């Protein structure tokens, strides 16, 4: 859990997992943006979380109950809260991961899309089978999706993780035994991805 970014309307957790031998980190967040708030969306804590993830190079997935309307995410109309939120998403490079315009809120004859899934830039291709749950009509429906395949990784060299004492000898050995070695191999050249740490 990330207590610094968790409050009454926001819960954020950091998930560490292993994919194909590489350690990965992903932040998952549930956010409720109440319609009776005196401030327009987003919550201050949500904005701070997005900035933190950008600074720390962490991918972020947010499930939002908005109480805001906009046609961008499949709503039937736009309101001021929706317009403000769209501007926030643009400024923060967040992508709307919703697919289609199936209503997420149903009450009597009123049906609207007020729940959206957001992701950090580049996650759109990793979200598969995004859907609003079927079943008996209810006020708020569940959103289901799968985060599949490799999360986009940008490699960079971090000299702090290089063992300079053994580097020349290790490089010489590897070049002698594997002259056709792939020079972009992150494990062999001390490259690391954002959110990846070596012990």
N, C-alpha and C. Protein backbone atom coordinates (compact mmCIF):
# COMPACT_ATOMS: atom_id res chain seq x y z
N UNK A 1 0.84 -1.19 0.00
CA UNK A 1 0.00 0.00 0.00
C UNK A 1 0.88 1.24 0.00
N UNK A 2 0.38 2.30 -0.64
CA UNK A 2 1.09 3.57 -0.66
C UNK A 2 0.28 4.57 0.19
N UNK A 3 0.52 4.59 1.52
CA UNK A 3 -0.29 5.43 2.41
C UNK A 3 -0.26 6.90 2.06
N UNK A 4 0.87 7.35 1.53
CA UNK A 4 1.00 8.78 1.20
C UNK A 4 -0.04 9.22 0.18
N UNK A 5 -0.49 8.28 -0.68
CA UNK A 5 -1.44 8.62 -1.73
C UNK A 5 -2.80 7.99 -1.49
N UNK A 6 -3.07 7.56 -0.28
CA UNK A 6 -4.35 6.93 0.02
C UNK A 6 -5.11 7.83 0.99
N UNK A 7 -6.38 8.02 0.70
CA UNK A 7 -7.24 8.87 1.53
C UNK A 7 -8.66 8.33 1.41
N UNK A 8 -9.63 9.12 1.81
CA UNK A 8 -11.02 8.66 1.78
C UNK A 8 -11.48 8.27 0.38
N UNK A 9 -11.05 8.98 -0.63
CA UNK A 9 -11.50 8.69 -1.98
C UNK A 9 -10.48 8.00 -2.87
N UNK A 10 -9.36 7.59 -2.28
CA UNK A 10 -8.27 7.07 -3.11
C UNK A 10 -7.51 5.97 -2.37
N UNK A 11 -7.26 4.87 -3.05
CA UNK A 11 -6.41 3.80 -2.51
C UNK A 11 -5.43 3.42 -3.61
N UNK A 12 -4.14 3.43 -3.27
CA UNK A 12 -3.10 3.09 -4.25
C UNK A 12 -2.18 2.02 -3.67
N UNK A 13 -1.84 1.05 -4.50
CA UNK A 13 -0.91 -0.01 -4.09
C UNK A 13 0.17 -0.18 -5.14
N UNK A 14 1.33 -0.58 -4.68
CA UNK A 14 2.46 -0.87 -5.57
C UNK A 14 2.58 -2.38 -5.66
N UNK A 15 2.53 -2.91 -6.88
CA UNK A 15 2.62 -4.35 -7.10
C UNK A 15 3.99 -4.66 -7.69
N UNK A 16 4.71 -5.55 -7.02
CA UNK A 16 5.98 -6.06 -7.53
C UNK A 16 5.74 -7.44 -8.09
N UNK A 17 6.21 -7.71 -9.31
CA UNK A 17 6.03 -9.03 -9.89
C UNK A 17 7.20 -9.34 -10.81
N UNK A 18 7.28 -10.60 -11.21
CA UNK A 18 8.37 -11.04 -12.07
C UNK A 18 7.80 -11.47 -13.40
N UNK A 19 8.40 -10.98 -14.47
CA UNK A 19 7.96 -11.35 -15.81
C UNK A 19 9.18 -11.77 -16.62
N UNK A 20 9.20 -13.02 -17.01
CA UNK A 20 10.31 -13.56 -17.80
C UNK A 20 11.67 -13.27 -17.16
N UNK A 21 11.74 -13.43 -15.84
CA UNK A 21 13.01 -13.24 -15.14
C UNK A 21 13.34 -11.81 -14.79
N UNK A 22 12.50 -10.87 -15.16
CA UNK A 22 12.76 -9.46 -14.85
C UNK A 22 11.77 -8.97 -13.80
N UNK A 23 12.26 -8.22 -12.83
CA UNK A 23 11.39 -7.64 -11.81
C UNK A 23 10.68 -6.42 -12.39
N UNK A 24 9.36 -6.35 -12.16
CA UNK A 24 8.55 -5.24 -12.65
C UNK A 24 7.80 -4.62 -11.48
N UNK A 25 7.42 -3.35 -11.64
CA UNK A 25 6.63 -2.65 -10.64
C UNK A 25 5.51 -1.90 -11.33
N UNK A 26 4.31 -1.98 -10.75
CA UNK A 26 3.13 -1.34 -11.31
C UNK A 26 2.29 -0.79 -10.17
N UNK A 27 1.80 0.44 -10.32
CA UNK A 27 0.91 1.02 -9.31
C UNK A 27 -0.52 0.89 -9.81
N UNK A 28 -1.39 0.37 -8.93
CA UNK A 28 -2.81 0.22 -9.24
C UNK A 28 -3.58 1.07 -8.23
N UNK A 29 -4.54 1.81 -8.75
CA UNK A 29 -5.25 2.78 -7.91
C UNK A 29 -6.76 2.70 -8.14
N UNK A 30 -7.52 2.84 -7.07
CA UNK A 30 -8.97 2.99 -7.16
C UNK A 30 -9.31 4.39 -6.66
N UNK A 31 -10.04 5.15 -7.47
CA UNK A 31 -10.34 6.54 -7.11
C UNK A 31 -11.84 6.81 -7.21
N UNK A 32 -12.35 7.51 -6.22
CA UNK A 32 -13.75 7.96 -6.21
C UNK A 32 -13.74 9.47 -6.18
N UNK A 33 -14.30 10.08 -7.20
CA UNK A 33 -14.32 11.55 -7.29
C UNK A 33 -15.77 12.01 -7.09
N UNK A 34 -16.16 12.30 -5.86
CA UNK A 34 -17.56 12.58 -5.55
C UNK A 34 -18.09 13.84 -6.24
N UNK A 35 -19.36 13.78 -6.60
CA UNK A 35 -19.96 14.92 -7.31
C UNK A 35 -20.21 16.10 -6.40
N UNK A 36 -20.25 15.89 -5.08
CA UNK A 36 -20.52 17.00 -4.18
C UNK A 36 -19.25 17.69 -3.69
N UNK A 37 -18.09 17.31 -4.29
CA UNK A 37 -16.83 17.94 -3.90
C UNK A 37 -16.83 19.40 -4.32
N UNK A 38 -16.29 20.26 -3.47
CA UNK A 38 -16.25 21.69 -3.80
C UNK A 38 -15.22 21.98 -4.89
N UNK A 39 -14.23 21.09 -5.02
CA UNK A 39 -13.19 21.25 -6.03
C UNK A 39 -13.49 20.38 -7.25
N UNK A 40 -13.15 20.84 -8.44
CA UNK A 40 -13.34 20.00 -9.63
C UNK A 40 -12.34 18.85 -9.60
N UNK A 41 -12.62 17.77 -10.34
CA UNK A 41 -11.65 16.66 -10.36
C UNK A 41 -10.36 17.12 -11.04
N UNK A 42 -9.24 16.51 -10.72
CA UNK A 42 -9.09 15.32 -9.88
C UNK A 42 -8.85 15.69 -8.42
N UNK A 43 -8.80 14.69 -7.56
CA UNK A 43 -8.38 14.90 -6.18
C UNK A 43 -6.92 15.33 -6.16
N UNK A 44 -6.57 16.14 -5.19
CA UNK A 44 -5.17 16.57 -5.06
C UNK A 44 -4.25 15.35 -4.92
N UNK A 45 -4.70 14.35 -4.14
CA UNK A 45 -3.89 13.15 -3.93
C UNK A 45 -3.69 12.36 -5.22
N UNK A 46 -4.72 12.36 -6.09
CA UNK A 46 -4.59 11.65 -7.37
C UNK A 46 -3.56 12.34 -8.26
N UNK A 47 -3.60 13.65 -8.29
CA UNK A 47 -2.61 14.39 -9.08
C UNK A 47 -1.20 14.14 -8.55
N UNK A 48 -1.05 14.12 -7.23
CA UNK A 48 0.27 13.84 -6.64
C UNK A 48 0.73 12.42 -6.97
N UNK A 49 -0.20 11.45 -7.00
CA UNK A 49 0.16 10.08 -7.33
C UNK A 49 0.65 9.98 -8.77
N UNK A 50 -0.04 10.64 -9.68
CA UNK A 50 0.37 10.60 -11.09
C UNK A 50 1.76 11.20 -11.24
N UNK A 51 2.01 12.32 -10.59
CA UNK A 51 3.33 12.95 -10.67
C UNK A 51 4.41 12.05 -10.06
N UNK A 52 4.10 11.40 -8.95
CA UNK A 52 5.04 10.48 -8.32
C UNK A 52 5.40 9.33 -9.27
N UNK A 53 4.40 8.74 -9.90
CA UNK A 53 4.65 7.62 -10.83
C UNK A 53 5.49 8.08 -12.02
N UNK A 54 5.24 9.28 -12.51
CA UNK A 54 6.05 9.79 -13.62
C UNK A 54 7.49 10.00 -13.19
N UNK A 55 7.69 10.56 -11.99
CA UNK A 55 9.04 10.81 -11.49
C UNK A 55 9.79 9.51 -11.27
N UNK A 56 9.09 8.49 -10.74
CA UNK A 56 9.71 7.20 -10.41
C UNK A 56 9.68 6.22 -11.59
N UNK A 57 9.19 6.65 -12.75
CA UNK A 57 9.08 5.79 -13.93
C UNK A 57 8.28 4.52 -13.65
N UNK A 58 7.16 4.68 -12.97
CA UNK A 58 6.27 3.57 -12.66
C UNK A 58 5.04 3.63 -13.55
N UNK A 59 4.64 2.51 -14.11
CA UNK A 59 3.39 2.47 -14.85
C UNK A 59 2.23 2.50 -13.87
N UNK A 60 1.12 3.08 -14.29
CA UNK A 60 0.00 3.34 -13.41
C UNK A 60 -1.31 2.96 -14.09
N UNK A 61 -2.17 2.23 -13.35
CA UNK A 61 -3.52 1.93 -13.81
C UNK A 61 -4.48 2.47 -12.75
N UNK A 62 -5.48 3.25 -13.17
CA UNK A 62 -6.43 3.87 -12.25
C UNK A 62 -7.84 3.47 -12.65
N UNK A 63 -8.60 2.99 -11.68
CA UNK A 63 -10.03 2.73 -11.89
C UNK A 63 -10.76 3.87 -11.21
N UNK A 64 -11.51 4.67 -11.98
CA UNK A 64 -12.15 5.87 -11.44
C UNK A 64 -13.67 5.77 -11.49
N UNK A 65 -14.31 6.13 -10.39
CA UNK A 65 -15.73 6.43 -10.40
C UNK A 65 -15.82 7.94 -10.37
N UNK A 66 -16.25 8.52 -11.50
CA UNK A 66 -16.05 9.94 -11.74
C UNK A 66 -17.14 10.87 -11.27
N UNK A 67 -18.37 10.49 -11.50
CA UNK A 67 -19.48 11.44 -11.36
C UNK A 67 -19.23 12.64 -12.28
N UNK A 68 -18.61 12.36 -13.41
CA UNK A 68 -18.34 13.39 -14.41
C UNK A 68 -18.73 12.84 -15.77
N UNK A 69 -19.20 13.69 -16.64
CA UNK A 69 -19.68 13.24 -17.95
C UNK A 69 -18.82 13.83 -19.06
N UNK A 70 -18.51 12.98 -20.05
CA UNK A 70 -17.84 13.47 -21.25
C UNK A 70 -17.98 12.42 -22.36
N UNK A 71 -18.15 12.91 -23.58
CA UNK A 71 -18.30 11.99 -24.72
C UNK A 71 -16.99 11.28 -25.04
N UNK A 72 -15.85 11.80 -24.57
CA UNK A 72 -14.55 11.19 -24.83
C UNK A 72 -14.52 9.76 -24.31
N UNK A 73 -15.14 9.48 -23.16
CA UNK A 73 -15.15 8.12 -22.63
C UNK A 73 -16.49 7.43 -22.81
N UNK A 74 -17.30 7.93 -23.73
CA UNK A 74 -18.55 7.25 -24.09
C UNK A 74 -19.78 7.78 -23.43
N UNK A 75 -19.68 8.90 -22.73
CA UNK A 75 -20.85 9.49 -22.09
C UNK A 75 -21.80 10.07 -23.12
N UNK A 76 -23.02 10.34 -22.69
CA UNK A 76 -24.03 10.89 -23.61
C UNK A 76 -23.95 12.40 -23.70
N UNK A 77 -23.24 13.04 -22.76
CA UNK A 77 -23.11 14.50 -22.80
C UNK A 77 -21.83 14.90 -22.06
N UNK A 78 -21.60 16.20 -21.96
CA UNK A 78 -20.43 16.72 -21.25
C UNK A 78 -20.90 17.67 -20.15
N UNK A 79 -20.21 17.63 -19.03
CA UNK A 79 -20.46 18.65 -18.00
C UNK A 79 -19.11 19.28 -17.62
N UNK A 80 -19.17 20.31 -16.79
CA UNK A 80 -17.94 21.04 -16.44
C UNK A 80 -16.90 20.12 -15.80
N UNK A 81 -17.36 19.19 -14.94
CA UNK A 81 -16.43 18.26 -14.29
C UNK A 81 -15.72 17.39 -15.33
N UNK A 82 -16.47 16.96 -16.34
CA UNK A 82 -15.87 16.14 -17.40
C UNK A 82 -14.84 16.91 -18.20
N UNK A 83 -15.16 18.16 -18.55
CA UNK A 83 -14.23 18.99 -19.32
C UNK A 83 -12.95 19.22 -18.53
N UNK A 84 -13.08 19.52 -17.23
CA UNK A 84 -11.90 19.74 -16.38
C UNK A 84 -11.04 18.48 -16.32
N UNK A 85 -11.69 17.33 -16.21
CA UNK A 85 -10.95 16.07 -16.10
C UNK A 85 -10.23 15.74 -17.41
N UNK A 86 -10.86 15.99 -18.54
CA UNK A 86 -10.20 15.74 -19.83
C UNK A 86 -8.94 16.59 -19.96
N UNK A 87 -9.00 17.84 -19.53
CA UNK A 87 -7.82 18.70 -19.58
C UNK A 87 -6.70 18.14 -18.68
N UNK A 88 -7.09 17.62 -17.52
CA UNK A 88 -6.12 17.01 -16.61
C UNK A 88 -5.46 15.80 -17.27
N UNK A 89 -6.26 14.94 -17.89
CA UNK A 89 -5.72 13.74 -18.54
C UNK A 89 -4.73 14.11 -19.63
N UNK A 90 -5.05 15.13 -20.41
CA UNK A 90 -4.14 15.59 -21.47
C UNK A 90 -2.83 16.08 -20.89
N UNK A 91 -2.92 16.88 -19.83
CA UNK A 91 -1.71 17.48 -19.25
C UNK A 91 -0.81 16.44 -18.59
N UNK A 92 -1.39 15.30 -18.17
CA UNK A 92 -0.63 14.27 -17.47
C UNK A 92 -0.28 13.07 -18.36
N UNK A 93 -0.62 13.14 -19.65
CA UNK A 93 -0.35 12.03 -20.57
C UNK A 93 -0.97 10.72 -20.09
N UNK A 94 -2.19 10.79 -19.56
CA UNK A 94 -2.91 9.59 -19.16
C UNK A 94 -3.84 9.17 -20.29
N UNK A 95 -3.93 7.87 -20.51
CA UNK A 95 -4.78 7.35 -21.57
C UNK A 95 -6.06 6.79 -20.97
N UNK A 96 -7.17 6.96 -21.69
CA UNK A 96 -8.43 6.34 -21.31
C UNK A 96 -8.43 4.94 -21.90
N UNK A 97 -8.55 3.93 -21.05
CA UNK A 97 -8.46 2.55 -21.49
C UNK A 97 -9.81 1.92 -21.78
N UNK A 98 -10.91 2.65 -21.51
CA UNK A 98 -12.25 2.13 -21.81
C UNK A 98 -12.34 1.73 -23.28
N UNK A 99 -13.11 0.70 -23.54
CA UNK A 99 -13.37 0.28 -24.92
C UNK A 99 -14.88 0.24 -25.10
N UNK A 100 -15.39 0.99 -26.08
CA UNK A 100 -16.83 1.06 -26.30
C UNK A 100 -17.49 2.08 -25.39
N UNK A 101 -18.83 2.06 -25.39
CA UNK A 101 -19.58 3.02 -24.58
C UNK A 101 -20.72 2.36 -23.82
N UNK A 102 -20.49 1.13 -23.34
CA UNK A 102 -21.50 0.43 -22.54
C UNK A 102 -21.66 1.17 -21.22
N UNK A 103 -22.89 1.49 -20.82
CA UNK A 103 -23.09 2.23 -19.57
C UNK A 103 -22.54 1.47 -18.36
N UNK A 104 -21.92 2.21 -17.45
CA UNK A 104 -21.40 1.62 -16.22
C UNK A 104 -22.32 1.93 -15.04
N UNK A 105 -23.29 2.81 -15.25
CA UNK A 105 -24.24 3.19 -14.21
C UNK A 105 -25.65 3.08 -14.79
N UNK A 106 -26.52 2.36 -14.10
CA UNK A 106 -27.89 2.19 -14.56
C UNK A 106 -28.82 2.44 -13.38
N UNK A 107 -29.80 3.31 -13.57
CA UNK A 107 -30.78 3.59 -12.53
C UNK A 107 -32.09 3.94 -13.20
N UNK A 108 -33.03 3.02 -13.15
CA UNK A 108 -34.30 3.25 -13.83
C UNK A 108 -34.06 3.36 -15.33
N UNK A 109 -34.48 4.47 -15.90
CA UNK A 109 -34.27 4.68 -17.34
C UNK A 109 -32.97 5.40 -17.64
N UNK A 110 -32.26 5.83 -16.60
CA UNK A 110 -31.01 6.57 -16.80
C UNK A 110 -29.83 5.62 -16.88
N UNK A 111 -29.06 5.75 -17.95
CA UNK A 111 -27.87 4.93 -18.15
C UNK A 111 -26.74 5.85 -18.59
N UNK A 112 -25.56 5.71 -17.97
CA UNK A 112 -24.46 6.63 -18.26
C UNK A 112 -23.12 5.95 -18.01
N UNK A 113 -22.09 6.46 -18.68
CA UNK A 113 -20.72 6.01 -18.45
C UNK A 113 -20.07 6.99 -17.48
N UNK A 114 -19.94 6.57 -16.22
CA UNK A 114 -19.31 7.44 -15.23
C UNK A 114 -18.08 6.78 -14.60
N UNK A 115 -17.76 5.59 -15.05
CA UNK A 115 -16.58 4.88 -14.55
C UNK A 115 -15.60 4.70 -15.69
N UNK A 116 -14.36 5.09 -15.47
CA UNK A 116 -13.36 4.90 -16.52
C UNK A 116 -12.11 4.26 -15.94
N UNK A 117 -11.36 3.65 -16.83
CA UNK A 117 -10.07 3.08 -16.48
C UNK A 117 -9.01 3.91 -17.18
N UNK A 118 -8.04 4.38 -16.41
CA UNK A 118 -6.97 5.22 -16.95
C UNK A 118 -5.65 4.48 -16.84
N UNK A 119 -4.73 4.80 -17.72
CA UNK A 119 -3.41 4.19 -17.65
C UNK A 119 -2.34 5.16 -18.08
N UNK A 120 -1.14 4.93 -17.59
CA UNK A 120 -0.02 5.76 -18.01
C UNK A 120 0.23 5.55 -19.50
N UNK A 121 0.88 6.52 -20.11
CA UNK A 121 1.10 6.53 -21.55
C UNK A 121 1.79 5.23 -21.98
N UNK A 122 1.24 4.58 -22.99
CA UNK A 122 1.85 3.37 -23.52
C UNK A 122 1.20 2.08 -23.05
N UNK A 123 0.27 2.15 -22.09
CA UNK A 123 -0.35 0.92 -21.60
C UNK A 123 -1.53 0.44 -22.45
N UNK A 124 -2.00 1.28 -23.37
CA UNK A 124 -3.20 0.96 -24.13
C UNK A 124 -3.08 -0.40 -24.82
N UNK A 125 -1.92 -0.70 -25.38
CA UNK A 125 -1.74 -1.96 -26.08
C UNK A 125 -1.65 -3.16 -25.16
N UNK A 126 -1.45 -2.94 -23.87
CA UNK A 126 -1.33 -4.05 -22.92
C UNK A 126 -2.66 -4.43 -22.28
N UNK A 127 -3.70 -3.60 -22.46
CA UNK A 127 -5.01 -3.89 -21.88
C UNK A 127 -5.82 -4.70 -22.87
N UNK A 128 -6.23 -5.90 -22.45
CA UNK A 128 -7.01 -6.79 -23.30
C UNK A 128 -8.36 -7.07 -22.64
N UNK A 129 -9.35 -7.30 -23.46
CA UNK A 129 -10.68 -7.75 -23.01
C UNK A 129 -11.30 -6.79 -21.99
N UNK A 130 -11.14 -5.49 -22.20
CA UNK A 130 -11.80 -4.52 -21.30
C UNK A 130 -13.30 -4.60 -21.55
N UNK A 131 -14.08 -4.77 -20.49
CA UNK A 131 -15.53 -4.85 -20.66
C UNK A 131 -16.26 -4.48 -19.38
N UNK A 132 -17.49 -4.05 -19.56
CA UNK A 132 -18.39 -3.81 -18.44
C UNK A 132 -19.12 -5.11 -18.19
N UNK A 133 -19.14 -5.55 -16.93
CA UNK A 133 -19.73 -6.85 -16.62
C UNK A 133 -21.19 -6.90 -17.02
N UNK A 134 -21.61 -8.07 -17.49
CA UNK A 134 -23.01 -8.29 -17.81
C UNK A 134 -23.68 -8.85 -16.57
N UNK A 135 -24.93 -9.22 -16.69
CA UNK A 135 -25.64 -9.76 -15.54
C UNK A 135 -26.82 -8.88 -15.19
N UNK A 136 -27.41 -9.11 -14.03
CA UNK A 136 -28.61 -8.34 -13.67
C UNK A 136 -28.31 -6.85 -13.60
N UNK A 137 -29.23 -6.01 -14.04
CA UNK A 137 -29.02 -4.57 -13.96
C UNK A 137 -28.78 -4.14 -12.52
N UNK A 138 -27.84 -3.26 -12.34
CA UNK A 138 -27.58 -2.70 -11.01
C UNK A 138 -27.09 -1.27 -11.20
N UNK A 139 -27.01 -0.54 -10.11
CA UNK A 139 -26.63 0.86 -10.23
C UNK A 139 -25.23 1.03 -10.80
N UNK A 140 -24.26 0.30 -10.25
CA UNK A 140 -22.89 0.40 -10.74
C UNK A 140 -22.41 -0.98 -11.15
N UNK A 141 -21.91 -1.09 -12.36
CA UNK A 141 -21.44 -2.37 -12.88
C UNK A 141 -19.93 -2.50 -12.72
N UNK A 142 -19.48 -3.73 -12.63
CA UNK A 142 -18.05 -4.00 -12.51
C UNK A 142 -17.36 -3.82 -13.87
N UNK A 143 -16.12 -3.38 -13.83
CA UNK A 143 -15.29 -3.29 -15.03
C UNK A 143 -14.23 -4.36 -14.95
N UNK A 144 -14.10 -5.14 -16.01
CA UNK A 144 -13.15 -6.25 -16.05
C UNK A 144 -12.18 -6.03 -17.20
N UNK A 145 -10.91 -6.32 -16.97
CA UNK A 145 -9.93 -6.28 -18.05
C UNK A 145 -8.72 -7.09 -17.65
N UNK A 146 -7.90 -7.40 -18.62
CA UNK A 146 -6.66 -8.14 -18.39
C UNK A 146 -5.50 -7.29 -18.84
N UNK A 147 -4.50 -7.18 -18.00
CA UNK A 147 -3.26 -6.51 -18.37
C UNK A 147 -2.33 -7.61 -18.85
N UNK A 148 -2.11 -7.66 -20.14
CA UNK A 148 -1.47 -8.81 -20.75
C UNK A 148 -0.17 -8.45 -21.44
N UNK A 149 0.74 -9.40 -21.45
CA UNK A 149 2.00 -9.20 -22.17
C UNK A 149 2.91 -8.26 -21.43
N UNK A 150 3.99 -7.95 -22.06
CA UNK A 150 4.99 -7.10 -21.44
C UNK A 150 4.50 -5.67 -21.36
N UNK A 151 4.67 -5.09 -20.19
CA UNK A 151 4.43 -3.66 -20.06
C UNK A 151 5.59 -2.97 -20.77
N UNK A 152 5.32 -1.92 -21.54
CA UNK A 152 6.41 -1.27 -22.28
C UNK A 152 7.57 -0.92 -21.37
N UNK A 153 8.77 -1.23 -21.81
CA UNK A 153 9.97 -0.99 -21.02
C UNK A 153 10.93 -0.14 -21.83
N UNK A 154 11.48 0.89 -21.23
CA UNK A 154 12.48 1.73 -21.87
C UNK A 154 13.80 1.50 -21.14
N UNK A 155 14.78 0.95 -21.84
CA UNK A 155 16.06 0.63 -21.22
C UNK A 155 16.97 1.85 -21.20
N UNK A 156 17.74 1.94 -20.13
CA UNK A 156 18.75 2.98 -20.03
C UNK A 156 19.90 2.45 -19.19
N UNK A 157 21.05 3.05 -19.32
CA UNK A 157 22.21 2.61 -18.56
C UNK A 157 22.27 3.39 -17.24
N UNK A 158 22.41 2.64 -16.16
CA UNK A 158 22.54 3.26 -14.84
C UNK A 158 23.88 2.81 -14.26
N UNK A 159 24.90 3.67 -14.29
CA UNK A 159 26.23 3.27 -13.83
C UNK A 159 26.28 2.87 -12.36
N UNK A 160 25.29 3.27 -11.56
CA UNK A 160 25.30 2.88 -10.15
C UNK A 160 25.16 1.37 -9.97
N UNK A 161 24.58 0.68 -10.97
CA UNK A 161 24.37 -0.75 -10.85
C UNK A 161 25.46 -1.55 -11.55
N UNK A 162 26.52 -0.89 -11.99
CA UNK A 162 27.63 -1.58 -12.64
C UNK A 162 28.70 -1.90 -11.61
N UNK A 163 29.15 -3.14 -11.61
CA UNK A 163 30.26 -3.53 -10.74
C UNK A 163 31.55 -3.22 -11.50
N UNK A 164 32.11 -2.04 -11.26
CA UNK A 164 33.26 -1.58 -12.04
C UNK A 164 34.50 -2.43 -11.80
N UNK A 165 34.61 -3.07 -10.64
CA UNK A 165 35.77 -3.91 -10.36
C UNK A 165 35.82 -5.12 -11.30
N UNK A 166 34.66 -5.72 -11.55
CA UNK A 166 34.64 -6.93 -12.37
C UNK A 166 34.21 -6.68 -13.81
N UNK A 167 33.85 -5.44 -14.15
CA UNK A 167 33.33 -5.15 -15.48
C UNK A 167 34.31 -5.50 -16.61
N UNK A 168 35.56 -5.02 -16.58
CA UNK A 168 36.47 -5.32 -17.71
C UNK A 168 36.70 -6.82 -17.90
N UNK A 169 36.89 -7.53 -16.81
CA UNK A 169 37.14 -8.96 -16.90
C UNK A 169 35.89 -9.69 -17.42
N UNK A 170 34.72 -9.32 -16.89
CA UNK A 170 33.48 -9.96 -17.33
C UNK A 170 33.18 -9.70 -18.80
N UNK A 171 33.42 -8.47 -19.24
CA UNK A 171 33.19 -8.13 -20.64
C UNK A 171 34.13 -8.90 -21.55
N UNK A 172 35.41 -8.99 -21.16
CA UNK A 172 36.40 -9.73 -21.95
C UNK A 172 35.99 -11.21 -22.07
N UNK A 173 35.58 -11.81 -20.94
CA UNK A 173 35.17 -13.21 -20.95
C UNK A 173 33.97 -13.44 -21.86
N UNK A 174 32.99 -12.56 -21.77
CA UNK A 174 31.78 -12.74 -22.57
C UNK A 174 32.06 -12.55 -24.06
N UNK A 175 32.93 -11.61 -24.39
CA UNK A 175 33.25 -11.39 -25.80
C UNK A 175 34.06 -12.56 -26.37
N UNK A 176 34.89 -13.17 -25.54
CA UNK A 176 35.67 -14.31 -26.01
C UNK A 176 34.80 -15.54 -26.20
N UNK A 177 33.86 -15.76 -25.29
CA UNK A 177 33.01 -16.96 -25.38
C UNK A 177 31.81 -16.76 -26.29
N UNK A 178 31.34 -15.52 -26.43
CA UNK A 178 30.16 -15.25 -27.27
C UNK A 178 30.39 -14.01 -28.10
N UNK A 179 31.24 -14.10 -29.14
CA UNK A 179 31.52 -12.90 -29.93
C UNK A 179 30.28 -12.37 -30.65
N UNK A 180 29.27 -13.24 -30.83
CA UNK A 180 28.06 -12.77 -31.52
C UNK A 180 27.03 -12.24 -30.53
N UNK A 181 27.45 -11.97 -29.29
CA UNK A 181 26.55 -11.51 -28.23
C UNK A 181 25.74 -10.29 -28.67
N UNK A 182 24.47 -10.31 -28.31
CA UNK A 182 23.58 -9.18 -28.59
C UNK A 182 23.96 -8.02 -27.68
N UNK A 183 24.42 -6.94 -28.26
CA UNK A 183 24.91 -5.80 -27.47
C UNK A 183 23.78 -5.01 -26.80
N UNK A 184 22.52 -5.40 -27.08
CA UNK A 184 21.40 -4.73 -26.43
C UNK A 184 20.84 -5.57 -25.28
N UNK A 185 21.54 -6.63 -24.93
CA UNK A 185 21.09 -7.52 -23.87
C UNK A 185 21.20 -6.82 -22.52
N UNK A 186 20.04 -6.50 -21.90
CA UNK A 186 20.05 -5.72 -20.66
C UNK A 186 20.77 -6.42 -19.53
N UNK A 187 20.68 -7.75 -19.46
CA UNK A 187 21.29 -8.47 -18.36
C UNK A 187 22.81 -8.45 -18.44
N UNK A 188 23.34 -8.32 -19.66
CA UNK A 188 24.79 -8.39 -19.82
C UNK A 188 25.47 -7.03 -19.86
N UNK A 189 24.74 -6.02 -20.16
CA UNK A 189 25.38 -4.71 -20.31
C UNK A 189 25.00 -3.72 -19.21
N UNK A 190 24.36 -4.20 -18.18
CA UNK A 190 24.05 -3.30 -17.06
C UNK A 190 22.95 -2.31 -17.35
N UNK A 191 22.13 -2.62 -18.39
CA UNK A 191 20.99 -1.74 -18.66
C UNK A 191 19.89 -2.10 -17.70
N UNK A 192 19.07 -1.13 -17.37
CA UNK A 192 17.92 -1.42 -16.53
C UNK A 192 16.74 -0.63 -17.02
N UNK A 193 15.57 -1.11 -16.65
CA UNK A 193 14.35 -0.42 -17.04
C UNK A 193 13.86 0.41 -15.88
N UNK A 194 13.04 1.44 -16.14
CA UNK A 194 12.45 2.21 -15.05
C UNK A 194 11.66 1.28 -14.15
N UNK A 195 11.82 1.46 -12.87
CA UNK A 195 11.09 0.63 -11.93
C UNK A 195 11.71 -0.74 -11.74
N UNK A 196 12.93 -0.95 -12.25
CA UNK A 196 13.61 -2.25 -12.16
C UNK A 196 14.83 -2.08 -11.31
N UNK A 197 15.03 -2.97 -10.37
CA UNK A 197 16.22 -2.85 -9.52
C UNK A 197 16.93 -4.18 -9.44
N UNK A 198 18.23 -4.12 -9.38
CA UNK A 198 19.04 -5.31 -9.21
C UNK A 198 19.61 -5.33 -7.81
N UNK A 199 19.64 -6.52 -7.19
CA UNK A 199 20.24 -6.61 -5.87
C UNK A 199 21.73 -6.84 -6.02
